[in-house]
Amino acid sequence: VKGVFYNLHTLKVKFVQVTDSAEKELGQLITNAQGKGVLQVAADQVSSDGVITLKAVYAGNKKMEPAEAEVTLKRAYIQLTPVKEDSLLTVKAKVVVAGNESDSSVKELTVGLYVKRMINPLKIAEATTDESGEATLEVPAGLPGDDKGNLTLLVRLDEHESMGNLEAAAVQPWGT
């Protein structure tokens, strides 16, 4: 069914780096119970402009046909800066594409601010990056923290087409 994600666990997926001149196998993984896996790529395998093209290859089995798909990703990160001015608590977030020569910020991206909780993070704000690639997210007052009054703040960019999922975290003594 199109648009539905099935948890296909324990499948072996091979990853290949695709360049203009060749294809190089990077490794393989076996999907977990949620049908997901993580491939770590060394920094020297990313081009000078921060881009890598990967091909995922599934060989198939008795119940499923072979499949492959290609994706181009940008190496990126989020700069997170907690700011306390008077009684106003905010987080400044900047999304940056990391190139080998220089970094560049990204405008018009929606990022979410979450506070870590026992089971899943709780979304407390959302904002869009401006012309300089920055977003300001307000932290509501009175959020319960841990036993020391600390809040673990997470800024996320979820499922971006070329940057994937990005997350940055900071711990601040802003909890009650």
N, C-alpha and C. Protein backbone atom coordinates (compact mmCIF):
# COMPACT_ATOMS: atom_id res chain seq x y z
N VAL A 1 0.85 -1.17 0.00
CA VAL A 1 0.00 0.00 0.00
C VAL A 1 0.89 1.23 0.00
N LYS A 2 0.68 2.12 -0.93
CA LYS A 2 1.51 3.31 -1.04
C LYS A 2 1.28 4.22 0.17
N GLY A 3 2.39 4.73 0.74
CA GLY A 3 2.30 5.63 1.88
C GLY A 3 2.24 4.94 3.22
N VAL A 4 2.31 3.61 3.23
CA VAL A 4 2.26 2.85 4.48
C VAL A 4 3.64 2.24 4.72
N PHE A 5 4.15 2.35 5.93
CA PHE A 5 5.44 1.80 6.29
C PHE A 5 5.23 0.46 6.99
N TYR A 6 5.83 -0.59 6.44
CA TYR A 6 5.76 -1.92 7.06
C TYR A 6 7.07 -2.20 7.78
N ASN A 7 6.98 -2.73 8.99
CA ASN A 7 8.16 -3.07 9.77
C ASN A 7 8.74 -4.39 9.25
N LEU A 8 9.68 -4.28 8.33
CA LEU A 8 10.31 -5.45 7.75
C LEU A 8 11.61 -5.71 8.49
N HIS A 9 11.54 -6.56 9.51
CA HIS A 9 12.69 -6.78 10.37
C HIS A 9 13.57 -7.90 9.86
N THR A 10 14.78 -7.91 10.30
CA THR A 10 15.84 -8.89 10.00
C THR A 10 16.10 -9.04 8.50
N LEU A 11 16.04 -7.94 7.76
CA LEU A 11 16.38 -7.97 6.35
C LEU A 11 17.80 -7.42 6.17
N LYS A 12 18.58 -8.07 5.32
CA LYS A 12 19.94 -7.61 5.05
C LYS A 12 19.91 -6.62 3.88
N VAL A 13 20.44 -5.41 4.12
CA VAL A 13 20.47 -4.37 3.10
C VAL A 13 21.93 -3.96 2.89
N LYS A 14 22.36 -3.97 1.64
CA LYS A 14 23.72 -3.58 1.28
C LYS A 14 23.70 -2.11 0.83
N PHE A 15 24.73 -1.35 1.21
CA PHE A 15 24.83 0.06 0.82
C PHE A 15 26.05 0.28 -0.05
N VAL A 16 25.84 1.01 -1.13
CA VAL A 16 26.88 1.28 -2.10
C VAL A 16 26.96 2.80 -2.30
N GLN A 17 28.19 3.34 -2.31
CA GLN A 17 28.38 4.75 -2.63
C GLN A 17 28.45 4.89 -4.14
N VAL A 18 27.67 5.82 -4.68
CA VAL A 18 27.61 6.03 -6.12
C VAL A 18 28.30 7.36 -6.43
N THR A 19 29.28 7.31 -7.34
CA THR A 19 29.93 8.53 -7.83
C THR A 19 29.83 8.55 -9.35
N ASP A 20 30.32 9.63 -9.95
CA ASP A 20 30.27 9.72 -11.42
C ASP A 20 31.05 8.60 -12.09
N SER A 21 32.13 8.15 -11.44
CA SER A 21 33.02 7.20 -12.08
C SER A 21 32.91 5.75 -11.58
N ALA A 22 32.33 5.54 -10.40
CA ALA A 22 32.33 4.17 -9.88
C ALA A 22 31.28 3.99 -8.79
N GLU A 23 31.14 2.73 -8.38
CA GLU A 23 30.31 2.39 -7.23
C GLU A 23 31.19 1.63 -6.25
N LYS A 24 31.11 1.99 -4.95
CA LYS A 24 31.95 1.37 -3.93
C LYS A 24 31.06 0.89 -2.79
N GLU A 25 31.18 -0.39 -2.44
CA GLU A 25 30.38 -0.92 -1.34
C GLU A 25 30.87 -0.35 -0.02
N LEU A 26 29.93 0.17 0.78
CA LEU A 26 30.26 0.77 2.07
C LEU A 26 30.00 -0.18 3.23
N GLY A 27 29.08 -1.09 3.06
CA GLY A 27 28.76 -2.00 4.14
C GLY A 27 27.33 -2.49 4.01
N GLN A 28 26.90 -3.23 5.02
CA GLN A 28 25.54 -3.73 5.04
C GLN A 28 25.02 -3.72 6.46
N LEU A 29 23.71 -3.80 6.57
CA LEU A 29 23.09 -3.84 7.89
C LEU A 29 21.91 -4.78 7.85
N ILE A 30 21.47 -5.16 9.04
CA ILE A 30 20.27 -5.98 9.18
C ILE A 30 19.25 -5.13 9.93
N THR A 31 18.06 -5.00 9.38
CA THR A 31 17.05 -4.14 9.98
C THR A 31 16.62 -4.67 11.33
N ASN A 32 16.25 -3.74 12.23
CA ASN A 32 15.81 -4.11 13.58
C ASN A 32 14.32 -4.45 13.59
N ALA A 33 13.74 -4.62 14.76
CA ALA A 33 12.33 -5.01 14.90
C ALA A 33 11.38 -3.97 14.31
N GLN A 34 11.83 -2.71 14.21
CA GLN A 34 11.00 -1.66 13.62
C GLN A 34 11.25 -1.51 12.12
N GLY A 35 12.10 -2.37 11.57
CA GLY A 35 12.39 -2.30 10.14
C GLY A 35 13.39 -1.22 9.79
N LYS A 36 14.16 -0.75 10.77
CA LYS A 36 15.12 0.34 10.56
C LYS A 36 16.53 -0.12 10.85
N GLY A 37 17.49 0.61 10.34
CA GLY A 37 18.90 0.33 10.59
C GLY A 37 19.70 1.60 10.45
N VAL A 38 20.95 1.56 10.91
CA VAL A 38 21.82 2.74 10.86
C VAL A 38 23.10 2.37 10.14
N LEU A 39 23.48 3.19 9.18
CA LEU A 39 24.74 3.04 8.48
C LEU A 39 25.58 4.26 8.79
N GLN A 40 26.78 4.05 9.32
CA GLN A 40 27.67 5.16 9.60
C GLN A 40 28.66 5.27 8.44
N VAL A 41 28.82 6.51 7.97
CA VAL A 41 29.70 6.78 6.83
C VAL A 41 30.85 7.66 7.30
N ALA A 42 32.07 7.29 6.96
CA ALA A 42 33.25 8.07 7.34
C ALA A 42 33.24 9.41 6.61
N ALA A 43 33.75 10.45 7.27
CA ALA A 43 33.74 11.80 6.71
C ALA A 43 34.50 11.87 5.39
N ASP A 44 35.54 11.07 5.22
CA ASP A 44 36.33 11.14 3.98
C ASP A 44 35.60 10.53 2.78
N GLN A 45 34.46 9.90 3.01
CA GLN A 45 33.68 9.34 1.91
C GLN A 45 32.67 10.33 1.35
N VAL A 46 32.55 11.49 2.00
CA VAL A 46 31.63 12.53 1.57
C VAL A 46 32.38 13.50 0.67
N SER A 47 31.75 13.97 -0.40
CA SER A 47 32.41 14.88 -1.33
C SER A 47 32.72 16.22 -0.67
N SER A 48 33.52 17.05 -1.33
CA SER A 48 33.96 18.32 -0.76
C SER A 48 32.81 19.29 -0.53
N ASP A 49 31.69 19.12 -1.22
CA ASP A 49 30.54 19.99 -0.99
C ASP A 49 29.56 19.41 0.02
N GLY A 50 29.97 18.33 0.71
CA GLY A 50 29.15 17.76 1.77
C GLY A 50 28.05 16.83 1.30
N VAL A 51 28.16 16.29 0.09
CA VAL A 51 27.10 15.47 -0.49
C VAL A 51 27.60 14.04 -0.70
N ILE A 52 26.72 13.07 -0.45
CA ILE A 52 27.02 11.67 -0.75
C ILE A 52 25.78 11.04 -1.37
N THR A 53 26.00 10.22 -2.39
CA THR A 53 24.90 9.48 -3.03
C THR A 53 25.06 8.01 -2.67
N LEU A 54 24.00 7.45 -2.11
CA LEU A 54 23.99 6.06 -1.67
C LEU A 54 22.93 5.28 -2.42
N LYS A 55 23.25 4.01 -2.64
CA LYS A 55 22.25 3.09 -3.19
C LYS A 55 22.07 1.97 -2.18
N ALA A 56 20.83 1.73 -1.78
CA ALA A 56 20.50 0.62 -0.89
C ALA A 56 20.00 -0.53 -1.75
N VAL A 57 20.55 -1.71 -1.51
CA VAL A 57 20.21 -2.89 -2.32
C VAL A 57 19.74 -4.01 -1.41
N TYR A 58 18.53 -4.50 -1.69
CA TYR A 58 17.98 -5.66 -0.98
C TYR A 58 17.91 -6.80 -1.99
N ALA A 59 18.52 -7.94 -1.66
CA ALA A 59 18.62 -9.06 -2.60
C ALA A 59 17.32 -9.84 -2.77
N GLY A 60 16.39 -9.68 -1.84
CA GLY A 60 15.12 -10.41 -1.93
C GLY A 60 15.18 -11.74 -1.18
N ASN A 61 14.02 -12.36 -1.05
CA ASN A 61 13.91 -13.69 -0.45
C ASN A 61 12.72 -14.41 -1.08
N LYS A 62 12.27 -15.50 -0.48
CA LYS A 62 11.17 -16.27 -1.06
C LYS A 62 9.86 -15.51 -1.08
N LYS A 63 9.69 -14.58 -0.14
CA LYS A 63 8.42 -13.85 -0.04
C LYS A 63 8.48 -12.45 -0.64
N MET A 64 9.68 -11.91 -0.84
CA MET A 64 9.80 -10.53 -1.31
C MET A 64 10.77 -10.44 -2.48
N GLU A 65 10.42 -9.60 -3.43
CA GLU A 65 11.26 -9.40 -4.60
C GLU A 65 12.47 -8.54 -4.25
N PRO A 66 13.54 -8.65 -5.02
CA PRO A 66 14.69 -7.76 -4.81
C PRO A 66 14.28 -6.31 -5.06
N ALA A 67 15.00 -5.40 -4.40
CA ALA A 67 14.70 -3.98 -4.57
C ALA A 67 15.96 -3.17 -4.36
N GLU A 68 15.97 -1.98 -4.97
CA GLU A 68 17.07 -1.04 -4.72
C GLU A 68 16.54 0.37 -4.91
N ALA A 69 17.18 1.29 -4.20
CA ALA A 69 16.79 2.70 -4.28
C ALA A 69 18.03 3.54 -4.06
N GLU A 70 18.03 4.72 -4.66
CA GLU A 70 19.16 5.63 -4.55
C GLU A 70 18.72 6.92 -3.87
N VAL A 71 19.60 7.47 -3.04
CA VAL A 71 19.30 8.72 -2.34
C VAL A 71 20.57 9.56 -2.27
N THR A 72 20.41 10.87 -2.41
CA THR A 72 21.53 11.80 -2.27
C THR A 72 21.32 12.58 -0.98
N LEU A 73 22.34 12.55 -0.10
CA LEU A 73 22.25 13.19 1.20
C LEU A 73 23.31 14.27 1.35
N LYS A 74 22.96 15.30 2.14
CA LYS A 74 23.91 16.35 2.48
C LYS A 74 24.35 16.16 3.92
N ARG A 75 25.64 16.35 4.16
CA ARG A 75 26.16 16.30 5.53
C ARG A 75 25.76 17.61 6.20
N ALA A 76 25.04 17.51 7.31
CA ALA A 76 24.50 18.71 7.96
C ALA A 76 24.42 18.50 9.46
N TYR A 77 24.24 19.59 10.17
CA TYR A 77 24.08 19.54 11.62
C TYR A 77 23.27 20.74 12.09
N ILE A 78 22.85 20.68 13.35
CA ILE A 78 22.09 21.78 13.96
C ILE A 78 22.95 22.38 15.07
N GLN A 79 23.13 23.70 15.02
CA GLN A 79 23.77 24.44 16.12
C GLN A 79 22.66 24.87 17.05
N LEU A 80 22.77 24.51 18.32
CA LEU A 80 21.73 24.81 19.30
C LEU A 80 22.33 25.73 20.37
N THR A 81 21.66 26.87 20.62
CA THR A 81 22.13 27.83 21.63
C THR A 81 20.97 28.17 22.56
N PRO A 82 21.02 27.70 23.82
CA PRO A 82 20.00 28.10 24.80
C PRO A 82 20.23 29.55 25.24
N VAL A 83 19.14 30.31 25.35
CA VAL A 83 19.24 31.73 25.72
C VAL A 83 18.23 32.01 26.83
N LYS A 84 18.72 32.64 27.92
CA LYS A 84 17.83 33.05 29.01
C LYS A 84 17.97 34.57 29.16
N GLU A 85 16.89 35.27 28.83
CA GLU A 85 16.85 36.72 28.96
C GLU A 85 15.70 37.07 29.88
N ASP A 86 16.02 37.61 31.05
CA ASP A 86 15.01 37.89 32.07
C ASP A 86 14.27 36.59 32.39
N SER A 87 12.97 36.56 32.20
CA SER A 87 12.21 35.35 32.49
C SER A 87 11.87 34.58 31.21
N LEU A 88 12.37 35.03 30.05
CA LEU A 88 12.08 34.38 28.77
C LEU A 88 13.17 33.35 28.45
N LEU A 89 12.75 32.12 28.23
CA LEU A 89 13.66 31.04 27.89
C LEU A 89 13.46 30.69 26.42
N THR A 90 14.53 30.74 25.65
CA THR A 90 14.44 30.40 24.22
C THR A 90 15.62 29.54 23.82
N VAL A 91 15.47 28.92 22.68
CA VAL A 91 16.54 28.16 22.06
C VAL A 91 16.70 28.69 20.65
N LYS A 92 17.92 29.06 20.30
CA LYS A 92 18.22 29.46 18.92
C LYS A 92 18.82 28.25 18.23
N ALA A 93 18.27 27.92 17.08
CA ALA A 93 18.73 26.76 16.32
C ALA A 93 19.12 27.22 14.92
N LYS A 94 20.24 26.72 14.45
CA LYS A 94 20.71 27.05 13.10
C LYS A 94 21.04 25.74 12.39
N VAL A 95 20.44 25.53 11.22
CA VAL A 95 20.69 24.33 10.43
C VAL A 95 21.80 24.66 9.44
N VAL A 96 22.86 23.83 9.46
CA VAL A 96 24.06 24.12 8.67
C VAL A 96 24.41 22.90 7.82
N VAL A 97 24.67 23.14 6.52
CA VAL A 97 25.19 22.11 5.64
C VAL A 97 26.71 22.23 5.70
N ALA A 98 27.36 21.13 6.03
CA ALA A 98 28.81 21.12 6.23
C ALA A 98 29.52 20.69 4.96
N GLY A 99 30.25 21.62 4.37
CA GLY A 99 31.10 21.30 3.23
C GLY A 99 32.54 21.26 3.70
N ASN A 100 33.42 20.65 2.91
CA ASN A 100 34.82 20.59 3.30
C ASN A 100 35.49 21.96 3.22
N GLU A 101 35.05 22.79 2.29
CA GLU A 101 35.62 24.13 2.12
C GLU A 101 34.99 25.13 3.09
N SER A 102 33.66 25.15 3.16
CA SER A 102 32.96 26.07 4.06
C SER A 102 31.57 25.53 4.36
N ASP A 103 31.00 26.01 5.47
CA ASP A 103 29.66 25.62 5.87
C ASP A 103 28.67 26.68 5.39
N SER A 104 27.43 26.27 5.16
CA SER A 104 26.40 27.23 4.76
C SER A 104 25.11 26.93 5.51
N SER A 105 24.41 27.97 5.95
CA SER A 105 23.16 27.79 6.66
C SER A 105 22.01 27.59 5.68
N VAL A 106 20.92 27.00 6.17
CA VAL A 106 19.80 26.64 5.31
C VAL A 106 18.55 27.39 5.78
N LYS A 107 17.89 28.08 4.87
CA LYS A 107 16.69 28.84 5.22
C LYS A 107 15.43 28.04 4.89
N GLU A 108 14.32 28.47 5.51
CA GLU A 108 12.99 27.93 5.27
C GLU A 108 12.84 26.43 5.56
N LEU A 109 13.43 26.00 6.69
CA LEU A 109 13.25 24.63 7.17
C LEU A 109 12.47 24.68 8.47
N THR A 110 11.59 23.73 8.68
CA THR A 110 10.84 23.67 9.92
C THR A 110 11.54 22.73 10.89
N VAL A 111 11.86 23.26 12.06
CA VAL A 111 12.50 22.47 13.12
C VAL A 111 11.56 22.42 14.32
N GLY A 112 11.66 21.35 15.07
CA GLY A 112 10.83 21.18 16.26
C GLY A 112 11.70 21.21 17.51
N LEU A 113 11.14 21.76 18.59
CA LEU A 113 11.80 21.75 19.89
C LEU A 113 11.08 20.75 20.78
N TYR A 114 11.84 19.85 21.36
CA TYR A 114 11.30 18.80 22.21
C TYR A 114 11.99 18.85 23.56
N VAL A 115 11.32 18.35 24.56
CA VAL A 115 11.93 18.17 25.87
C VAL A 115 11.90 16.67 26.14
N LYS A 116 13.04 16.14 26.59
CA LYS A 116 13.15 14.71 26.82
C LYS A 116 12.25 14.29 27.98
N ARG A 117 11.54 13.20 27.78
CA ARG A 117 10.68 12.62 28.79
C ARG A 117 11.03 11.15 28.94
N MET A 118 10.38 10.46 29.87
CA MET A 118 10.74 9.07 30.16
C MET A 118 10.69 8.15 28.94
N ILE A 119 9.60 8.20 28.19
CA ILE A 119 9.44 7.27 27.07
C ILE A 119 9.78 7.94 25.75
N ASN A 120 9.09 9.01 25.40
CA ASN A 120 9.32 9.72 24.15
C ASN A 120 9.47 11.21 24.42
N PRO A 121 10.26 11.89 23.61
CA PRO A 121 10.35 13.35 23.75
C PRO A 121 8.99 14.02 23.50
N LEU A 122 8.74 15.12 24.21
CA LEU A 122 7.50 15.88 24.09
C LEU A 122 7.77 17.13 23.27
N LYS A 123 7.03 17.30 22.17
CA LYS A 123 7.20 18.48 21.32
C LYS A 123 6.56 19.68 22.01
N ILE A 124 7.35 20.77 22.15
CA ILE A 124 6.84 21.95 22.83
C ILE A 124 6.82 23.20 21.95
N ALA A 125 7.50 23.15 20.80
CA ALA A 125 7.50 24.32 19.91
C ALA A 125 7.96 23.89 18.52
N GLU A 126 7.66 24.77 17.57
CA GLU A 126 8.06 24.56 16.18
C GLU A 126 8.31 25.91 15.55
N ALA A 127 9.32 26.00 14.68
CA ALA A 127 9.62 27.26 14.00
C ALA A 127 10.28 26.97 12.67
N THR A 128 10.31 27.98 11.81
CA THR A 128 10.93 27.89 10.50
C THR A 128 12.18 28.76 10.48
N THR A 129 13.25 28.23 9.90
CA THR A 129 14.49 29.00 9.83
C THR A 129 14.30 30.21 8.91
N ASP A 130 14.95 31.32 9.28
CA ASP A 130 14.83 32.57 8.52
C ASP A 130 15.89 32.63 7.42
N GLU A 131 16.10 33.81 6.86
CA GLU A 131 17.06 34.01 5.77
C GLU A 131 18.48 33.64 6.17
N SER A 132 18.81 33.77 7.46
CA SER A 132 20.16 33.43 7.93
C SER A 132 20.25 31.97 8.40
N GLY A 133 19.18 31.22 8.23
CA GLY A 133 19.18 29.81 8.62
C GLY A 133 18.91 29.58 10.10
N GLU A 134 18.46 30.61 10.82
CA GLU A 134 18.22 30.49 12.25
C GLU A 134 16.73 30.49 12.58
N ALA A 135 16.40 29.79 13.65
CA ALA A 135 15.03 29.77 14.18
C ALA A 135 15.11 29.99 15.68
N THR A 136 14.14 30.73 16.22
CA THR A 136 14.07 30.95 17.66
C THR A 136 12.83 30.25 18.18
N LEU A 137 13.04 29.39 19.17
CA LEU A 137 11.95 28.59 19.73
C LEU A 137 11.82 28.90 21.21
N GLU A 138 10.62 29.19 21.65
CA GLU A 138 10.38 29.54 23.05
C GLU A 138 10.11 28.30 23.89
N VAL A 139 10.76 28.26 25.05
CA VAL A 139 10.57 27.18 26.01
C VAL A 139 9.55 27.65 27.04
N PRO A 140 8.42 26.98 27.18
CA PRO A 140 7.42 27.40 28.17
C PRO A 140 7.99 27.31 29.59
N ALA A 141 7.60 28.24 30.42
CA ALA A 141 8.02 28.21 31.82
C ALA A 141 7.24 27.13 32.56
N GLY A 142 7.82 26.61 33.63
CA GLY A 142 7.11 25.67 34.49
C GLY A 142 7.16 24.22 34.07
N LEU A 143 8.03 23.87 33.11
CA LEU A 143 8.14 22.47 32.71
C LEU A 143 8.89 21.69 33.80
N PRO A 144 8.39 20.53 34.18
CA PRO A 144 9.11 19.74 35.17
C PRO A 144 10.40 19.17 34.58
N GLY A 145 11.47 19.29 35.35
CA GLY A 145 12.75 18.75 34.94
C GLY A 145 13.06 17.46 35.67
N ASP A 146 14.33 17.07 35.65
CA ASP A 146 14.74 15.88 36.39
C ASP A 146 14.86 16.23 37.88
N ASP A 147 15.44 15.34 38.67
CA ASP A 147 15.53 15.57 40.10
C ASP A 147 16.41 16.77 40.47
N LYS A 148 17.24 17.23 39.53
CA LYS A 148 18.08 18.41 39.76
C LYS A 148 17.49 19.66 39.09
N GLY A 149 16.31 19.53 38.48
CA GLY A 149 15.68 20.67 37.79
C GLY A 149 16.19 20.91 36.38
N ASN A 150 16.89 19.93 35.81
CA ASN A 150 17.42 20.07 34.46
C ASN A 150 16.42 19.61 33.41
N LEU A 151 16.40 20.31 32.29
CA LEU A 151 15.63 19.91 31.12
C LEU A 151 16.61 19.52 30.02
N THR A 152 16.37 18.40 29.37
CA THR A 152 17.13 18.04 28.18
C THR A 152 16.32 18.52 26.98
N LEU A 153 16.85 19.52 26.29
CA LEU A 153 16.17 20.12 25.14
C LEU A 153 16.73 19.52 23.86
N LEU A 154 15.84 19.16 22.96
CA LEU A 154 16.22 18.57 21.68
C LEU A 154 15.64 19.42 20.56
N VAL A 155 16.47 19.77 19.59
CA VAL A 155 15.97 20.41 18.38
C VAL A 155 16.14 19.40 17.26
N ARG A 156 15.05 19.20 16.50
CA ARG A 156 15.05 18.17 15.45
C ARG A 156 14.60 18.73 14.11
N LEU A 157 15.22 18.19 13.09
CA LEU A 157 14.75 18.32 11.72
C LEU A 157 14.40 16.90 11.32
N ASP A 158 13.13 16.64 11.04
CA ASP A 158 12.68 15.27 10.77
C ASP A 158 12.46 15.00 9.29
N GLU A 159 13.01 13.88 8.84
CA GLU A 159 12.76 13.32 7.51
C GLU A 159 12.89 14.33 6.39
N HIS A 160 13.98 15.08 6.40
CA HIS A 160 14.24 16.00 5.30
C HIS A 160 14.74 15.21 4.09
N GLU A 161 14.34 15.63 2.91
CA GLU A 161 14.63 14.89 1.69
C GLU A 161 16.13 14.69 1.46
N SER A 162 16.95 15.70 1.72
CA SER A 162 18.38 15.56 1.45
C SER A 162 19.27 15.55 2.69
N MET A 163 18.72 15.88 3.86
CA MET A 163 19.53 15.88 5.08
C MET A 163 19.11 14.79 6.07
N GLY A 164 18.03 14.11 5.78
CA GLY A 164 17.57 13.05 6.67
C GLY A 164 17.03 13.59 7.97
N ASN A 165 17.37 12.92 9.07
CA ASN A 165 16.95 13.34 10.41
C ASN A 165 18.16 13.94 11.12
N LEU A 166 18.00 15.16 11.63
CA LEU A 166 19.06 15.82 12.40
C LEU A 166 18.54 16.09 13.80
N GLU A 167 19.45 16.04 14.77
CA GLU A 167 19.07 16.33 16.15
C GLU A 167 20.26 16.92 16.88
N ALA A 168 19.99 17.92 17.71
CA ALA A 168 20.98 18.49 18.61
C ALA A 168 20.35 18.58 20.00
N ALA A 169 21.16 18.44 21.05
CA ALA A 169 20.64 18.43 22.41
C ALA A 169 21.46 19.34 23.32
N ALA A 170 20.78 19.87 24.33
CA ALA A 170 21.42 20.67 25.37
C ALA A 170 20.68 20.45 26.66
N VAL A 171 21.41 20.43 27.76
CA VAL A 171 20.81 20.30 29.10
C VAL A 171 20.88 21.65 29.79
N GLN A 172 19.73 22.13 30.28
CA GLN A 172 19.65 23.42 30.93
C GLN A 172 18.91 23.30 32.25
N PRO A 173 19.28 24.09 33.27
CA PRO A 173 18.60 24.04 34.57
C PRO A 173 17.33 24.89 34.59
N TRP A 174 16.45 24.65 33.61
CA TRP A 174 15.24 25.46 33.45
C TRP A 174 13.99 24.75 33.93
N GLY A 175 14.11 23.57 34.48
CA GLY A 175 12.93 22.81 34.93
C GLY A 175 12.51 23.19 36.33
N THR A 176 11.32 22.75 36.69
CA THR A 176 10.82 23.03 38.05
C THR A 176 10.99 21.80 38.92
